[in-house]
Amino acid sequence: MSDEASVKSAAASLKAKLGDQKLYALVNNAGVGSSKGKDAIIATNCCGPYWMTENFVSMIDADVGRLVHVGSGIGSSFAKKASK
């Protein structure tokens, strides 16, 4: 999820396949650690969930659908070390 264009492409493809059907849920569960570098961390862990939500939320059933963001405890460790 570190590339906005690929998220938009995936959303358009799924929307075409769904037709009038709706999704029950969107689960954002992607994440990368420090071995990938600061830019990849920001793109994947921060921008990725935003891009996914913006591009897929219209496909989620408004009455019963769910939007779930999954994180880990390691995120706070990274944030403590990040420069201000």
C-alpha atoms as a PDB file:
ATOM      1  CA  MET A   1       0.000   0.000   0.000  1.00  0.00           C
ATOM      2  CA  SER A   2       2.872   2.380  -0.473  1.00  0.00           C
ATOM      3  CA  ASP A   3       1.788   3.486  -3.955  1.00  0.00           C
ATOM      4  CA  GLU A   4      -1.368   5.591  -4.334  1.00  0.00           C
ATOM      5  CA  ALA A   5      -1.766   4.751  -8.028  1.00  0.00           C
ATOM      6  CA  SER A   6      -1.832   1.002  -7.292  1.00  0.00           C
ATOM      7  CA  VAL A   7      -4.504   1.547  -4.611  1.00  0.00           C
ATOM      8  CA  LYS A   8      -6.651   3.544  -7.055  1.00  0.00           C
ATOM      9  CA  SER A   9      -6.211   0.858  -9.699  1.00  0.00           C
ATOM     10  CA  ALA A  10      -7.167  -1.920  -7.280  1.00  0.00           C
ATOM     11  CA  ALA A  11     -10.251   0.001  -6.134  1.00  0.00           C
ATOM     12  CA  ALA A  12     -11.402   0.622  -9.710  1.00  0.00           C
ATOM     13  CA  SER A  13     -10.914  -3.046 -10.581  1.00  0.00           C
ATOM     14  CA  LEU A  14     -12.859  -4.242  -7.558  1.00  0.00           C
ATOM     15  CA  LYS A  15     -15.652  -1.719  -8.109  1.00  0.00           C
ATOM     16  CA  ALA A  16     -16.073  -3.008 -11.667  1.00  0.00           C
ATOM     17  CA  LYS A  17     -16.304  -6.599 -10.406  1.00  0.00           C
ATOM     18  CA  LEU A  18     -18.722  -5.768  -7.565  1.00  0.00           C
ATOM     19  CA  GLY A  19     -21.284  -3.960  -9.687  1.00  0.00           C
ATOM     20  CA  ASP A  20     -24.148  -3.141  -7.294  1.00  0.00           C
ATOM     21  CA  GLN A  21     -22.845  -5.426  -4.535  1.00  0.00           C
ATOM     22  CA  LYS A  22     -21.294  -3.888  -1.416  1.00  0.00           C
ATOM     23  CA  LEU A  23     -18.407  -4.943   0.777  1.00  0.00           C
ATOM     24  CA  TYR A  24     -18.982  -5.869   4.399  1.00  0.00           C
ATOM     25  CA  ALA A  25     -15.593  -4.630   5.541  1.00  0.00           C
ATOM     26  CA  LEU A  26     -12.294  -3.051   4.674  1.00  0.00           C
ATOM     27  CA  VAL A  27      -9.411  -4.140   6.888  1.00  0.00           C
ATOM     28  CA  ASN A  28      -6.244  -2.060   6.761  1.00  0.00           C
ATOM     29  CA  ASN A  29      -3.560  -4.396   8.068  1.00  0.00           C
ATOM     30  CA  ALA A  30      -0.414  -3.420   6.179  1.00  0.00           C
ATOM     31  CA  GLY A  31       2.716  -2.185   7.858  1.00  0.00           C
ATOM     32  CA  VAL A  32       6.453  -2.072   7.420  1.00  0.00           C
ATOM     33  CA  GLY A  33       9.274  -1.596   9.876  1.00  0.00           C
ATOM     34  CA  SER A  34      12.517   0.321  10.055  1.00  0.00           C
ATOM     35  CA  SER A  35      14.381  -1.962   7.652  1.00  0.00           C
ATOM     36  CA  LYS A  36      12.435  -0.377   4.760  1.00  0.00           C
ATOM     37  CA  GLY A  37      13.481   3.219   5.475  1.00  0.00           C
ATOM     38  CA  LYS A  38      11.586   6.269   6.673  1.00  0.00           C
ATOM     39  CA  ASP A  39       9.873   7.080   3.348  1.00  0.00           C
ATOM     40  CA  ALA A  40       8.513   3.548   2.963  1.00  0.00           C
ATOM     41  CA  ILE A  41       7.334   3.527   6.572  1.00  0.00           C
ATOM     42  CA  ILE A  42       5.400   6.776   6.141  1.00  0.00           C
ATOM     43  CA  ALA A  43       3.961   5.774   2.743  1.00  0.00           C
ATOM     44  CA  THR A  44       2.814   2.350   3.946  1.00  0.00           C
ATOM     45  CA  ASN A  45       1.868   2.925   7.579  1.00  0.00           C
ATOM     46  CA  CYS A  46       0.371   6.421   7.337  1.00  0.00           C
ATOM     47  CA  CYS A  47      -0.596   7.164   3.738  1.00  0.00           C
ATOM     48  CA  GLY A  48      -1.603   3.605   2.850  1.00  0.00           C
ATOM     49  CA  PRO A  49      -4.581   3.361   5.221  1.00  0.00           C
ATOM     50  CA  TYR A  50      -5.720   6.832   4.148  1.00  0.00           C
ATOM     51  CA  TRP A  51      -5.529   5.940   0.438  1.00  0.00           C
ATOM     52  CA  MET A  52      -7.298   2.625   1.033  1.00  0.00           C
ATOM     53  CA  THR A  53     -10.088   4.257   3.009  1.00  0.00           C
ATOM     54  CA  GLU A  54     -10.582   7.081   0.510  1.00  0.00           C
ATOM     55  CA  ASN A  55     -10.749   4.700  -2.442  1.00  0.00           C
ATOM     56  CA  PHE A  56     -12.742   1.809  -0.962  1.00  0.00           C
ATOM     57  CA  VAL A  57     -15.132   3.403   1.544  1.00  0.00           C
ATOM     58  CA  SER A  58     -17.842   4.020  -1.052  1.00  0.00           C
ATOM     59  CA  MET A  59     -17.977   0.260  -1.672  1.00  0.00           C
ATOM     60  CA  ILE A  60     -18.707  -0.597   1.965  1.00  0.00           C
ATOM     61  CA  ASP A  61     -22.310  -1.272   2.952  1.00  0.00           C
ATOM     62  CA  ALA A  62     -23.426   1.890   4.767  1.00  0.00           C
ATOM     63  CA  ASP A  63     -25.830   0.025   7.070  1.00  0.00           C
ATOM     64  CA  VAL A  64     -23.729  -2.869   8.356  1.00  0.00           C
ATOM     65  CA  GLY A  65     -20.250  -2.379   6.907  1.00  0.00           C
ATOM     66  CA  ARG A  66     -17.084  -1.990   8.922  1.00  0.00           C
ATOM     67  CA  LEU A  67     -13.798  -0.156   8.531  1.00  0.00           C
ATOM     68  CA  VAL A  68     -11.022  -1.730  10.592  1.00  0.00           C
ATOM     69  CA  HIS A  69      -7.498  -0.418  11.134  1.00  0.00           C
ATOM     70  CA  VAL A  70      -5.020  -2.865  12.660  1.00  0.00           C
ATOM     71  CA  GLY A  71      -1.835  -1.639  14.281  1.00  0.00           C
ATOM     72  CA  SER A  72       0.937  -3.000  16.442  1.00  0.00           C
ATOM     73  CA  GLY A  73       2.788  -1.916  19.525  1.00  0.00           C
ATOM     74  CA  ILE A  74       5.949  -1.329  17.540  1.00  0.00           C
ATOM     75  CA  GLY A  75       4.468   1.875  16.087  1.00  0.00           C
ATOM     76  CA  SER A  76       4.902   3.776  19.329  1.00  0.00           C
ATOM     77  CA  SER A  77       8.533   2.639  19.505  1.00  0.00           C
ATOM     78  CA  PHE A  78       9.170   4.119  16.052  1.00  0.00           C
ATOM     79  CA  ALA A  79       7.404   7.352  16.943  1.00  0.00           C
ATOM     80  CA  LYS A  80       9.550   7.812  20.063  1.00  0.00           C
ATOM     81  CA  LYS A  81      12.737   7.579  17.972  1.00  0.00           C
ATOM     82  CA  ALA A  82      11.527   9.794  15.091  1.00  0.00           C
ATOM     83  CA  SER A  83      12.986  13.277  14.861  1.00  0.00           C
ATOM     84  CA  LYS A  84      10.634  16.102  15.679  1.00  0.00           C
END
